[in-house]
Structures are given as structure tokens and as C-alpha cells.
Amino acid sequence: PGKVSEDDKLVEYDALLLDRFLDILQFL
């Protein structure tokens, strides 16, 4: 918990990239 603060968007960024990648993986 000390690594990220409450206003961090790291989870949101990471989730977006992973979702886009998984869509691409399914396409390929």
C-alpha cells in the first residue's frame, strides 16, 4: 500500500493496456 497513493491511476492504466492486449491476443 505504500507504493501507490489513493489518487493513483496506475491500476486504471494497467487495466486498460491489459484489456487491449488480451483483445489483440484473441484476434491473433
mmCIF file of all heavy atoms, coordinates in Angstrom:
data_MODEL
# 
_entry.id   MODEL 
# 
loop_
_atom_site.group_PDB 
_atom_site.id 
_atom_site.type_symbol 
_atom_site.label_atom_id 
_atom_site.label_alt_id 
_atom_site.label_comp_id 
_atom_site.label_asym_id 
_atom_site.label_entity_id 
_atom_site.label_seq_id 
_atom_site.pdbx_PDB_ins_code 
_atom_site.Cartn_x 
_atom_site.Cartn_y 
_atom_site.Cartn_z 
_atom_site.occupancy 
_atom_site.B_iso_or_equiv 
_atom_site.pdbx_formal_charge 
_atom_site.auth_seq_id 
_atom_site.auth_comp_id 
_atom_site.auth_asym_id 
_atom_site.auth_atom_id 
_atom_site.pdbx_PDB_model_num 
ATOM 1   N N   . PRO A 1 1  ? 0.800   -1.228  0.000   1.00 0.00 ? 1  PRO A N   1 
ATOM 2   C CA  . PRO A 1 1  ? 0.000   0.000   0.000   1.00 0.00 ? 1  PRO A CA  1 
ATOM 3   C C   . PRO A 1 1  ? 0.826   1.268   0.000   1.00 0.00 ? 1  PRO A C   1 
ATOM 4   O O   . PRO A 1 1  ? 0.366   2.314   -0.426  1.00 0.00 ? 1  PRO A O   1 
ATOM 5   C CB  . PRO A 1 1  ? -0.837  -0.130  1.280   1.00 0.00 ? 1  PRO A CB  1 
ATOM 6   C CG  . PRO A 1 1  ? -0.050  -1.070  2.155   1.00 0.00 ? 1  PRO A CG  1 
ATOM 7   C CD  . PRO A 1 1  ? 0.599   -2.036  1.210   1.00 0.00 ? 1  PRO A CD  1 
ATOM 8   N N   . GLY A 1 2  ? 2.068   1.189   0.463   1.00 0.00 ? 2  GLY A N   1 
ATOM 9   C CA  . GLY A 1 2  ? 2.880   2.389   0.490   1.00 0.00 ? 2  GLY A CA  1 
ATOM 10  C C   . GLY A 1 2  ? 3.425   2.788   -0.859  1.00 0.00 ? 2  GLY A C   1 
ATOM 11  O O   . GLY A 1 2  ? 3.962   3.882   -1.029  1.00 0.00 ? 2  GLY A O   1 
ATOM 12  N N   . LYS A 1 3  ? 3.284   1.915   -1.828  1.00 0.00 ? 3  LYS A N   1 
ATOM 13  C CA  . LYS A 1 3  ? 3.872   2.187   -3.147  1.00 0.00 ? 3  LYS A CA  1 
ATOM 14  C C   . LYS A 1 3  ? 3.013   3.134   -3.971  1.00 0.00 ? 3  LYS A C   1 
ATOM 15  O O   . LYS A 1 3  ? 3.515   3.882   -4.786  1.00 0.00 ? 3  LYS A O   1 
ATOM 16  C CB  . LYS A 1 3  ? 4.072   0.869   -3.900  1.00 0.00 ? 3  LYS A CB  1 
ATOM 17  C CG  . LYS A 1 3  ? 4.821   1.026   -5.214  1.00 0.00 ? 3  LYS A CG  1 
ATOM 18  C CD  . LYS A 1 3  ? 5.061   -0.312  -5.868  1.00 0.00 ? 3  LYS A CD  1 
ATOM 19  C CE  . LYS A 1 3  ? 5.824   -0.149  -7.167  1.00 0.00 ? 3  LYS A CE  1 
ATOM 20  N NZ  . LYS A 1 3  ? 6.033   -1.443  -7.856  1.00 0.00 ? 3  LYS A NZ  1 
ATOM 21  N N   . VAL A 1 4  ? 1.686   3.063   -3.808  1.00 0.00 ? 4  VAL A N   1 
ATOM 22  C CA  . VAL A 1 4  ? 0.791   3.911   -4.594  1.00 0.00 ? 4  VAL A CA  1 
ATOM 23  C C   . VAL A 1 4  ? -0.152  4.649   -3.661  1.00 0.00 ? 4  VAL A C   1 
ATOM 24  O O   . VAL A 1 4  ? -0.544  4.145   -2.622  1.00 0.00 ? 4  VAL A O   1 
ATOM 25  C CB  . VAL A 1 4  ? -0.019  3.074   -5.611  1.00 0.00 ? 4  VAL A CB  1 
ATOM 26  C CG1 . VAL A 1 4  ? 0.877   2.513   -6.683  1.00 0.00 ? 4  VAL A CG1 1 
ATOM 27  C CG2 . VAL A 1 4  ? -0.760  1.941   -4.928  1.00 0.00 ? 4  VAL A CG2 1 
ATOM 28  N N   . SER A 1 5  ? -0.532  5.853   -4.037  1.00 0.00 ? 5  SER A N   1 
ATOM 29  C CA  . SER A 1 5  ? -1.437  6.651   -3.224  1.00 0.00 ? 5  SER A CA  1 
ATOM 30  C C   . SER A 1 5  ? -2.865  6.484   -3.729  1.00 0.00 ? 5  SER A C   1 
ATOM 31  O O   . SER A 1 5  ? -3.114  5.886   -4.776  1.00 0.00 ? 5  SER A O   1 
ATOM 32  C CB  . SER A 1 5  ? -1.030  8.129   -3.286  1.00 0.00 ? 5  SER A CB  1 
ATOM 33  O OG  . SER A 1 5  ? -1.053  8.593   -4.617  1.00 0.00 ? 5  SER A OG  1 
ATOM 34  N N   . GLU A 1 6  ? -3.814  7.053   -2.990  1.00 0.00 ? 6  GLU A N   1 
ATOM 35  C CA  . GLU A 1 6  ? -5.215  6.853   -3.323  1.00 0.00 ? 6  GLU A CA  1 
ATOM 36  C C   . GLU A 1 6  ? -5.593  7.458   -4.667  1.00 0.00 ? 6  GLU A C   1 
ATOM 37  O O   . GLU A 1 6  ? -6.509  6.979   -5.327  1.00 0.00 ? 6  GLU A O   1 
ATOM 38  C CB  . GLU A 1 6  ? -6.089  7.454   -2.211  1.00 0.00 ? 6  GLU A CB  1 
ATOM 39  C CG  . GLU A 1 6  ? -5.957  6.729   -0.878  1.00 0.00 ? 6  GLU A CG  1 
ATOM 40  C CD  . GLU A 1 6  ? -6.840  7.348   0.181   1.00 0.00 ? 6  GLU A CD  1 
ATOM 41  O OE1 . GLU A 1 6  ? -7.512  8.350   -0.141  1.00 0.00 ? 6  GLU A OE1 1 
ATOM 42  O OE2 . GLU A 1 6  ? -6.864  6.828   1.309   1.00 0.00 ? 6  GLU A OE2 1 
ATOM 43  N N   . ASP A 1 7  ? -4.934  8.525   -5.071  1.00 0.00 ? 7  ASP A N   1 
ATOM 44  C CA  . ASP A 1 7  ? -5.300  9.187   -6.322  1.00 0.00 ? 7  ASP A CA  1 
ATOM 45  C C   . ASP A 1 7  ? -4.537  8.634   -7.525  1.00 0.00 ? 7  ASP A C   1 
ATOM 46  O O   . ASP A 1 7  ? -4.643  9.158   -8.623  1.00 0.00 ? 7  ASP A O   1 
ATOM 47  C CB  . ASP A 1 7  ? -5.055  10.697  -6.204  1.00 0.00 ? 7  ASP A CB  1 
ATOM 48  C CG  . ASP A 1 7  ? -3.584  11.017  -5.951  1.00 0.00 ? 7  ASP A CG  1 
ATOM 49  O OD1 . ASP A 1 7  ? -2.845  10.092  -5.573  1.00 0.00 ? 7  ASP A OD1 1 
ATOM 50  O OD2 . ASP A 1 7  ? -3.198  12.179  -6.136  1.00 0.00 ? 7  ASP A OD2 1 
ATOM 51  N N   . ASP A 1 8  ? -3.757  7.581   -7.315  1.00 0.00 ? 8  ASP A N   1 
ATOM 52  C CA  . ASP A 1 8  ? -3.022  6.990   -8.431  1.00 0.00 ? 8  ASP A CA  1 
ATOM 53  C C   . ASP A 1 8  ? -3.980  6.374   -9.446  1.00 0.00 ? 8  ASP A C   1 
ATOM 54  O O   . ASP A 1 8  ? -4.985  5.774   -9.080  1.00 0.00 ? 8  ASP A O   1 
ATOM 55  C CB  . ASP A 1 8  ? -2.054  5.917   -7.946  1.00 0.00 ? 8  ASP A CB  1 
ATOM 56  C CG  . ASP A 1 8  ? -0.779  6.503   -7.399  1.00 0.00 ? 8  ASP A CG  1 
ATOM 57  O OD1 . ASP A 1 8  ? -0.528  7.669   -7.685  1.00 0.00 ? 8  ASP A OD1 1 
ATOM 58  O OD2 . ASP A 1 8  ? -0.059  5.794   -6.682  1.00 0.00 ? 8  ASP A OD2 1 
ATOM 59  N N   . LYS A 1 9  ? -3.615  6.502   -10.714 1.00 0.00 ? 9  LYS A N   1 
ATOM 60  C CA  . LYS A 1 9  ? -4.371  5.862   -11.782 1.00 0.00 ? 9  LYS A CA  1 
ATOM 61  C C   . LYS A 1 9  ? -3.637  4.651   -12.328 1.00 0.00 ? 9  LYS A C   1 
ATOM 62  O O   . LYS A 1 9  ? -3.948  4.162   -13.406 1.00 0.00 ? 9  LYS A O   1 
ATOM 63  C CB  . LYS A 1 9  ? -4.627  6.869   -12.916 1.00 0.00 ? 9  LYS A CB  1 
ATOM 64  C CG  . LYS A 1 9  ? -5.627  7.964   -12.575 1.00 0.00 ? 9  LYS A CG  1 
ATOM 65  C CD  . LYS A 1 9  ? -5.900  8.837   -13.790 1.00 0.00 ? 9  LYS A CD  1 
ATOM 66  C CE  . LYS A 1 9  ? -7.003  9.839   -13.480 1.00 0.00 ? 9  LYS A CE  1 
ATOM 67  N NZ  . LYS A 1 9  ? -8.320  9.167   -13.364 1.00 0.00 ? 9  LYS A NZ  1 
ATOM 68  N N   . LEU A 1 10 ? -2.660  4.155   -11.587 1.00 0.00 ? 10 LEU A N   1 
ATOM 69  C CA  . LEU A 1 10 ? -1.838  3.063   -12.087 1.00 0.00 ? 10 LEU A CA  1 
ATOM 70  C C   . LEU A 1 10 ? -2.678  1.830   -12.414 1.00 0.00 ? 10 LEU A C   1 
ATOM 71  O O   . LEU A 1 10 ? -2.494  1.195   -13.447 1.00 0.00 ? 10 LEU A O   1 
ATOM 72  C CB  . LEU A 1 10 ? -0.772  2.706   -11.055 1.00 0.00 ? 10 LEU A CB  1 
ATOM 73  C CG  . LEU A 1 10 ? 0.202   1.589   -11.438 1.00 0.00 ? 10 LEU A CG  1 
ATOM 74  C CD1 . LEU A 1 10 ? 0.904   1.916   -12.742 1.00 0.00 ? 10 LEU A CD1 1 
ATOM 75  C CD2 . LEU A 1 10 ? 1.225   1.373   -10.333 1.00 0.00 ? 10 LEU A CD2 1 
ATOM 76  N N   . VAL A 1 11 ? -3.625  1.502   -11.542 1.00 0.00 ? 11 VAL A N   1 
ATOM 77  C CA  . VAL A 1 11 ? -4.477  0.348   -11.793 1.00 0.00 ? 11 VAL A CA  1 
ATOM 78  C C   . VAL A 1 11 ? -5.294  0.560   -13.056 1.00 0.00 ? 11 VAL A C   1 
ATOM 79  O O   . VAL A 1 11 ? -5.452  -0.343  -13.878 1.00 0.00 ? 11 VAL A O   1 
ATOM 80  C CB  . VAL A 1 11 ? -5.399  0.091   -10.582 1.00 0.00 ? 11 VAL A CB  1 
ATOM 81  C CG1 . VAL A 1 11 ? -6.428  -0.975  -10.911 1.00 0.00 ? 11 VAL A CG1 1 
ATOM 82  C CG2 . VAL A 1 11 ? -4.581  -0.326  -9.371  1.00 0.00 ? 11 VAL A CG2 1 
ATOM 83  N N   . GLU A 1 12 ? -5.800  1.775   -13.227 1.00 0.00 ? 12 GLU A N   1 
ATOM 84  C CA  . GLU A 1 12 ? -6.605  2.076   -14.410 1.00 0.00 ? 12 GLU A CA  1 
ATOM 85  C C   . GLU A 1 12 ? -5.769  1.989   -15.689 1.00 0.00 ? 12 GLU A C   1 
ATOM 86  O O   . GLU A 1 12 ? -6.206  1.428   -16.697 1.00 0.00 ? 12 GLU A O   1 
ATOM 87  C CB  . GLU A 1 12 ? -7.207  3.474   -14.266 1.00 0.00 ? 12 GLU A CB  1 
ATOM 88  C CG  . GLU A 1 12 ? -8.237  3.815   -15.327 1.00 0.00 ? 12 GLU A CG  1 
ATOM 89  C CD  . GLU A 1 12 ? -8.904  5.161   -15.073 1.00 0.00 ? 12 GLU A CD  1 
ATOM 90  O OE1 . GLU A 1 12 ? -8.668  5.750   -13.993 1.00 0.00 ? 12 GLU A OE1 1 
ATOM 91  O OE2 . GLU A 1 12 ? -9.657  5.606   -15.944 1.00 0.00 ? 12 GLU A OE2 1 
ATOM 92  N N   . TYR A 1 13 ? -4.570  2.551   -15.654 1.00 0.00 ? 13 TYR A N   1 
ATOM 93  C CA  . TYR A 1 13 ? -3.675  2.462   -16.814 1.00 0.00 ? 13 TYR A CA  1 
ATOM 94  C C   . TYR A 1 13 ? -3.368  1.001   -17.150 1.00 0.00 ? 13 TYR A C   1 
ATOM 95  O O   . TYR A 1 13 ? -3.452  0.579   -18.298 1.00 0.00 ? 13 TYR A O   1 
ATOM 96  C CB  . TYR A 1 13 ? -2.347  3.175   -16.527 1.00 0.00 ? 13 TYR A CB  1 
ATOM 97  C CG  . TYR A 1 13 ? -2.432  4.656   -16.265 1.00 0.00 ? 13 TYR A CG  1 
ATOM 98  C CD1 . TYR A 1 13 ? -1.431  5.301   -15.537 1.00 0.00 ? 13 TYR A CD1 1 
ATOM 99  C CD2 . TYR A 1 13 ? -3.487  5.424   -16.730 1.00 0.00 ? 13 TYR A CD2 1 
ATOM 100 C CE1 . TYR A 1 13 ? -1.488  6.659   -15.294 1.00 0.00 ? 13 TYR A CE1 1 
ATOM 101 C CE2 . TYR A 1 13 ? -3.553  6.784   -16.484 1.00 0.00 ? 13 TYR A CE2 1 
ATOM 102 C CZ  . TYR A 1 13 ? -2.546  7.388   -15.766 1.00 0.00 ? 13 TYR A CZ  1 
ATOM 103 O OH  . TYR A 1 13 ? -2.598  8.728   -15.523 1.00 0.00 ? 13 TYR A OH  1 
ATOM 104 N N   . ASP A 1 14 ? -2.974  0.265   -16.124 1.00 0.00 ? 14 ASP A N   1 
ATOM 105 C CA  . ASP A 1 14 ? -2.570  -1.127  -16.310 1.00 0.00 ? 14 ASP A CA  1 
ATOM 106 C C   . ASP A 1 14 ? -3.728  -1.955  -16.858 1.00 0.00 ? 14 ASP A C   1 
ATOM 107 O O   . ASP A 1 14 ? -3.567  -2.794  -17.759 1.00 0.00 ? 14 ASP A O   1 
ATOM 108 C CB  . ASP A 1 14 ? -2.095  -1.699  -14.974 1.00 0.00 ? 14 ASP A CB  1 
ATOM 109 C CG  . ASP A 1 14 ? -1.162  -2.882  -15.157 1.00 0.00 ? 14 ASP A CG  1 
ATOM 110 O OD1 . ASP A 1 14 ? -0.892  -3.249  -16.312 1.00 0.00 ? 14 ASP A OD1 1 
ATOM 111 O OD2 . ASP A 1 14 ? -0.702  -3.431  -14.147 1.00 0.00 ? 14 ASP A OD2 1 
ATOM 112 N N   . ALA A 1 15 ? -4.939  -1.740  -16.304 1.00 0.00 ? 15 ALA A N   1 
ATOM 113 C CA  . ALA A 1 15 ? -6.108  -2.496  -16.750 1.00 0.00 ? 15 ALA A CA  1 
ATOM 114 C C   . ALA A 1 15 ? -6.443  -2.196  -18.203 1.00 0.00 ? 15 ALA A C   1 
ATOM 115 O O   . ALA A 1 15 ? -6.799  -3.098  -18.972 1.00 0.00 ? 15 ALA A O   1 
ATOM 116 C CB  . ALA A 1 15 ? -7.305  -2.181  -15.851 1.00 0.00 ? 15 ALA A CB  1 
ATOM 117 N N   . LEU A 1 16 ? -6.322  -0.942  -18.604 1.00 0.00 ? 16 LEU A N   1 
ATOM 118 C CA  . LEU A 1 16 ? -6.601  -0.574  -19.993 1.00 0.00 ? 16 LEU A CA  1 
ATOM 119 C C   . LEU A 1 16 ? -5.632  -1.274  -20.947 1.00 0.00 ? 16 LEU A C   1 
ATOM 120 O O   . LEU A 1 16 ? -6.040  -1.865  -21.957 1.00 0.00 ? 16 LEU A O   1 
ATOM 121 C CB  . LEU A 1 16 ? -6.512  0.938   -20.173 1.00 0.00 ? 16 LEU A CB  1 
ATOM 122 C CG  . LEU A 1 16 ? -6.630  1.441   -21.619 1.00 0.00 ? 16 LEU A CG  1 
ATOM 123 C CD1 . LEU A 1 16 ? -8.012  1.147   -22.178 1.00 0.00 ? 16 LEU A CD1 1 
ATOM 124 C CD2 . LEU A 1 16 ? -6.310  2.925   -21.713 1.00 0.00 ? 16 LEU A CD2 1 
ATOM 125 N N   . LEU A 1 17 ? -4.348  -1.223  -20.634 1.00 0.00 ? 17 LEU A N   1 
ATOM 126 C CA  . LEU A 1 17 ? -3.360  -1.837  -21.510 1.00 0.00 ? 17 LEU A CA  1 
ATOM 127 C C   . LEU A 1 17 ? -3.545  -3.352  -21.577 1.00 0.00 ? 17 LEU A C   1 
ATOM 128 O O   . LEU A 1 17 ? -3.442  -3.956  -22.655 1.00 0.00 ? 17 LEU A O   1 
ATOM 129 C CB  . LEU A 1 17 ? -1.943  -1.507  -21.009 1.00 0.00 ? 17 LEU A CB  1 
ATOM 130 C CG  . LEU A 1 17 ? -1.520  -0.044  -21.126 1.00 0.00 ? 17 LEU A CG  1 
ATOM 131 C CD1 . LEU A 1 17 ? -0.103  0.137   -20.584 1.00 0.00 ? 17 LEU A CD1 1 
ATOM 132 C CD2 . LEU A 1 17 ? -1.579  0.448   -22.566 1.00 0.00 ? 17 LEU A CD2 1 
ATOM 133 N N   . LEU A 1 18 ? -3.827  -3.974  -20.434 1.00 0.00 ? 18 LEU A N   1 
ATOM 134 C CA  . LEU A 1 18 ? -4.027  -5.418  -20.423 1.00 0.00 ? 18 LEU A CA  1 
ATOM 135 C C   . LEU A 1 18 ? -5.264  -5.810  -21.221 1.00 0.00 ? 18 LEU A C   1 
ATOM 136 O O   . LEU A 1 18 ? -5.255  -6.805  -21.958 1.00 0.00 ? 18 LEU A O   1 
ATOM 137 C CB  . LEU A 1 18 ? -4.143  -5.918  -18.987 1.00 0.00 ? 18 LEU A CB  1 
ATOM 138 C CG  . LEU A 1 18 ? -2.839  -5.992  -18.201 1.00 0.00 ? 18 LEU A CG  1 
ATOM 139 C CD1 . LEU A 1 18 ? -3.123  -6.286  -16.733 1.00 0.00 ? 18 LEU A CD1 1 
ATOM 140 C CD2 . LEU A 1 18 ? -1.916  -7.050  -18.770 1.00 0.00 ? 18 LEU A CD2 1 
ATOM 141 N N   . ASP A 1 19 ? -6.326  -5.034  -21.085 1.00 0.00 ? 19 ASP A N   1 
ATOM 142 C CA  . ASP A 1 19 ? -7.539  -5.351  -21.822 1.00 0.00 ? 19 ASP A CA  1 
ATOM 143 C C   . ASP A 1 19 ? -7.310  -5.235  -23.329 1.00 0.00 ? 19 ASP A C   1 
ATOM 144 O O   . ASP A 1 19 ? -7.744  -6.096  -24.101 1.00 0.00 ? 19 ASP A O   1 
ATOM 145 C CB  . ASP A 1 19 ? -8.659  -4.408  -21.387 1.00 0.00 ? 19 ASP A CB  1 
ATOM 146 C CG  . ASP A 1 19 ? -9.969  -4.722  -22.088 1.00 0.00 ? 19 ASP A CG  1 
ATOM 147 O OD1 . ASP A 1 19 ? -10.525 -5.816  -21.849 1.00 0.00 ? 19 ASP A OD1 1 
ATOM 148 O OD2 . ASP A 1 19 ? -10.429 -3.901  -22.896 1.00 0.00 ? 19 ASP A OD2 1 
ATOM 149 N N   . ARG A 1 20 ? -6.640  -4.171  -23.747 1.00 0.00 ? 20 ARG A N   1 
ATOM 150 C CA  . ARG A 1 20 ? -6.354  -4.006  -25.175 1.00 0.00 ? 20 ARG A CA  1 
ATOM 151 C C   . ARG A 1 20 ? -5.454  -5.142  -25.671 1.00 0.00 ? 20 ARG A C   1 
ATOM 152 O O   . ARG A 1 20 ? -5.638  -5.653  -26.778 1.00 0.00 ? 20 ARG A O   1 
ATOM 153 C CB  . ARG A 1 20 ? -5.682  -2.658  -25.424 1.00 0.00 ? 20 ARG A CB  1 
ATOM 154 C CG  . ARG A 1 20 ? -6.559  -1.456  -25.120 1.00 0.00 ? 20 ARG A CG  1 
ATOM 155 C CD  . ARG A 1 20 ? -7.772  -1.405  -26.029 1.00 0.00 ? 20 ARG A CD  1 
ATOM 156 N NE  . ARG A 1 20 ? -8.598  -0.249  -25.736 1.00 0.00 ? 20 ARG A NE  1 
ATOM 157 C CZ  . ARG A 1 20 ? -9.628  -0.271  -24.889 1.00 0.00 ? 20 ARG A CZ  1 
ATOM 158 N NH1 . ARG A 1 20 ? -9.945  -1.406  -24.265 1.00 0.00 ? 20 ARG A NH1 1 
ATOM 159 N NH2 . ARG A 1 20 ? -10.336 0.808   -24.665 1.00 0.00 ? 20 ARG A NH2 1 
ATOM 160 N N   . PHE A 1 21 ? -4.484  -5.526  -24.856 1.00 0.00 ? 21 PHE A N   1 
ATOM 161 C CA  . PHE A 1 21 ? -3.592  -6.596  -25.277 1.00 0.00 ? 21 PHE A CA  1 
ATOM 162 C C   . PHE A 1 21 ? -4.326  -7.924  -25.401 1.00 0.00 ? 21 PHE A C   1 
ATOM 163 O O   . PHE A 1 21 ? -4.112  -8.682  -26.358 1.00 0.00 ? 21 PHE A O   1 
ATOM 164 C CB  . PHE A 1 21 ? -2.425  -6.750  -24.301 1.00 0.00 ? 21 PHE A CB  1 
ATOM 165 C CG  . PHE A 1 21 ? -1.628  -8.003  -24.533 1.00 0.00 ? 21 PHE A CG  1 
ATOM 166 C CD1 . PHE A 1 21 ? -0.870  -8.154  -25.681 1.00 0.00 ? 21 PHE A CD1 1 
ATOM 167 C CD2 . PHE A 1 21 ? -1.678  -9.054  -23.628 1.00 0.00 ? 21 PHE A CD2 1 
ATOM 168 C CE1 . PHE A 1 21 ? -0.161  -9.320  -25.924 1.00 0.00 ? 21 PHE A CE1 1 
ATOM 169 C CE2 . PHE A 1 21 ? -0.971  -10.218 -23.862 1.00 0.00 ? 21 PHE A CE2 1 
ATOM 170 C CZ  . PHE A 1 21 ? -0.210  -10.355 -25.018 1.00 0.00 ? 21 PHE A CZ  1 
ATOM 171 N N   . LEU A 1 22 ? -5.192  -8.237  -24.445 1.00 0.00 ? 22 LEU A N   1 
ATOM 172 C CA  . LEU A 1 22 ? -5.922  -9.501  -24.496 1.00 0.00 ? 22 LEU A CA  1 
ATOM 173 C C   . LEU A 1 22 ? -6.848  -9.561  -25.715 1.00 0.00 ? 22 LEU A C   1 
ATOM 174 O O   . LEU A 1 22 ? -7.030  -10.625 -26.315 1.00 0.00 ? 22 LEU A O   1 
ATOM 175 C CB  . LEU A 1 22 ? -6.706  -9.709  -23.206 1.00 0.00 ? 22 LEU A CB  1 
ATOM 176 C CG  . LEU A 1 22 ? -5.852  -10.001 -21.969 1.00 0.00 ? 22 LEU A CG  1 
ATOM 177 C CD1 . LEU A 1 22 ? -6.724  -10.030 -20.718 1.00 0.00 ? 22 LEU A CD1 1 
ATOM 178 C CD2 . LEU A 1 22 ? -5.101  -11.305 -22.117 1.00 0.00 ? 22 LEU A CD2 1 
ATOM 179 N N   . ASP A 1 23 ? -7.421  -8.425  -26.086 1.00 0.00 ? 23 ASP A N   1 
ATOM 180 C CA  . ASP A 1 23 ? -8.226  -8.388  -27.317 1.00 0.00 ? 23 ASP A CA  1 
ATOM 181 C C   . ASP A 1 23 ? -7.362  -8.711  -28.530 1.00 0.00 ? 23 ASP A C   1 
ATOM 182 O O   . ASP A 1 23 ? -7.775  -9.442  -29.433 1.00 0.00 ? 23 ASP A O   1 
ATOM 183 C CB  . ASP A 1 23 ? -8.866  -7.019  -27.483 1.00 0.00 ? 23 ASP A CB  1 
ATOM 184 C CG  . ASP A 1 23 ? -10.034 -6.803  -26.528 1.00 0.00 ? 23 ASP A CG  1 
ATOM 185 O OD1 . ASP A 1 23 ? -10.549 -7.808  -25.986 1.00 0.00 ? 23 ASP A OD1 1 
ATOM 186 O OD2 . ASP A 1 23 ? -10.426 -5.641  -26.311 1.00 0.00 ? 23 ASP A OD2 1 
ATOM 187 N N   . ILE A 1 24 ? -6.155  -8.146  -28.565 1.00 0.00 ? 24 ILE A N   1 
ATOM 188 C CA  . ILE A 1 24 ? -5.243  -8.393  -29.673 1.00 0.00 ? 24 ILE A CA  1 
ATOM 189 C C   . ILE A 1 24 ? -4.795  -9.853  -29.687 1.00 0.00 ? 24 ILE A C   1 
ATOM 190 O O   . ILE A 1 24 ? -4.712  -10.491 -30.736 1.00 0.00 ? 24 ILE A O   1 
ATOM 191 C CB  . ILE A 1 24 ? -4.029  -7.447  -29.577 1.00 0.00 ? 24 ILE A CB  1 
ATOM 192 C CG1 . ILE A 1 24 ? -4.469  -6.010  -29.851 1.00 0.00 ? 24 ILE A CG1 1 
ATOM 193 C CG2 . ILE A 1 24 ? -2.918  -7.861  -30.538 1.00 0.00 ? 24 ILE A CG2 1 
ATOM 194 C CD1 . ILE A 1 24 ? -3.447  -4.969  -29.475 1.00 0.00 ? 24 ILE A CD1 1 
ATOM 195 N N   . LEU A 1 25 ? -4.514  -10.387 -28.490 1.00 0.00 ? 25 LEU A N   1 
ATOM 196 C CA  . LEU A 1 25 ? -4.115  -11.789 -28.396 1.00 0.00 ? 25 LEU A CA  1 
ATOM 197 C C   . LEU A 1 25 ? -5.211  -12.708 -28.929 1.00 0.00 ? 25 LEU A C   1 
ATOM 198 O O   . LEU A 1 25 ? -4.938  -13.678 -29.652 1.00 0.00 ? 25 LEU A O   1 
ATOM 199 C CB  . LEU A 1 25 ? -3.801  -12.130 -26.935 1.00 0.00 ? 25 LEU A CB  1 
ATOM 200 C CG  . LEU A 1 25 ? -3.322  -13.554 -26.658 1.00 0.00 ? 25 LEU A CG  1 
ATOM 201 C CD1 . LEU A 1 25 ? -1.960  -13.800 -27.304 1.00 0.00 ? 25 LEU A CD1 1 
ATOM 202 C CD2 . LEU A 1 25 ? -3.245  -13.802 -25.149 1.00 0.00 ? 25 LEU A CD2 1 
ATOM 203 N N   . GLN A 1 26 ? -6.465  -12.398 -28.598 1.00 0.00 ? 26 GLN A N   1 
ATOM 204 C CA  . GLN A 1 26 ? -7.572  -13.204 -29.092 1.00 0.00 ? 26 GLN A CA  1 
ATOM 205 C C   . GLN A 1 26 ? -7.688  -13.092 -30.607 1.00 0.00 ? 26 GLN A C   1 
ATOM 206 O O   . GLN A 1 26 ? -7.950  -14.089 -31.293 1.00 0.00 ? 26 GLN A O   1 
ATOM 207 C CB  . GLN A 1 26 ? -8.878  -12.751 -28.425 1.00 0.00 ? 26 GLN A CB  1 
ATOM 208 C CG  . GLN A 1 26 ? -10.107 -13.518 -28.899 1.00 0.00 ? 26 GLN A CG  1 
ATOM 209 C CD  . GLN A 1 26 ? -11.351 -13.141 -28.117 1.00 0.00 ? 26 GLN A CD  1 
ATOM 210 O OE1 . GLN A 1 26 ? -11.269 -12.783 -26.945 1.00 0.00 ? 26 GLN A OE1 1 
ATOM 211 N NE2 . GLN A 1 26 ? -12.508 -13.217 -28.751 1.00 0.00 ? 26 GLN A NE2 1 
ATOM 212 N N   . PHE A 1 27 ? -7.486  -11.896 -31.143 1.00 0.00 ? 27 PHE A N   1 
ATOM 213 C CA  . PHE A 1 27 ? -7.564  -11.692 -32.596 1.00 0.00 ? 27 PHE A CA  1 
ATOM 214 C C   . PHE A 1 27 ? -6.484  -12.494 -33.319 1.00 0.00 ? 27 PHE A C   1 
ATOM 215 O O   . PHE A 1 27 ? -6.731  -13.061 -34.389 1.00 0.00 ? 27 PHE A O   1 
ATOM 216 C CB  . PHE A 1 27 ? -7.414  -10.204 -32.906 1.00 0.00 ? 27 PHE A CB  1 
ATOM 217 C CG  . PHE A 1 27 ? -7.319  -9.893  -34.378 1.00 0.00 ? 27 PHE A CG  1 
ATOM 218 C CD1 . PHE A 1 27 ? -8.434  -9.933  -35.193 1.00 0.00 ? 27 PHE A CD1 1 
ATOM 219 C CD2 . PHE A 1 27 ? -6.090  -9.567  -34.951 1.00 0.00 ? 27 PHE A CD2 1 
ATOM 220 C CE1 . PHE A 1 27 ? -8.341  -9.653  -36.558 1.00 0.00 ? 27 PHE A CE1 1 
ATOM 221 C CE2 . PHE A 1 27 ? -5.980  -9.295  -36.297 1.00 0.00 ? 27 PHE A CE2 1 
ATOM 222 C CZ  . PHE A 1 27 ? -7.114  -9.338  -37.111 1.00 0.00 ? 27 PHE A CZ  1 
ATOM 223 N N   . LEU A 1 28 ? -5.292  -12.548 -32.740 1.00 0.00 ? 28 LEU A N   1 
ATOM 224 C CA  . LEU A 1 28 ? -4.168  -13.219 -33.402 1.00 0.00 ? 28 LEU A CA  1 
ATOM 225 C C   . LEU A 1 28 ? -4.144  -14.721 -33.172 1.00 0.00 ? 28 LEU A C   1 
ATOM 226 O O   . LEU A 1 28 ? -3.754  -15.486 -34.067 1.00 0.00 ? 28 LEU A O   1 
ATOM 227 C CB  . LEU A 1 28 ? -2.844  -12.603 -32.917 1.00 0.00 ? 28 LEU A CB  1 
ATOM 228 C CG  . LEU A 1 28 ? -2.584  -11.140 -33.277 1.00 0.00 ? 28 LEU A CG  1 
ATOM 229 C CD1 . LEU A 1 28 ? -1.296  -10.662 -32.615 1.00 0.00 ? 28 LEU A CD1 1 
ATOM 230 C CD2 . LEU A 1 28 ? -2.495  -10.955 -34.791 1.00 0.00 ? 28 LEU A CD2 1 
# 
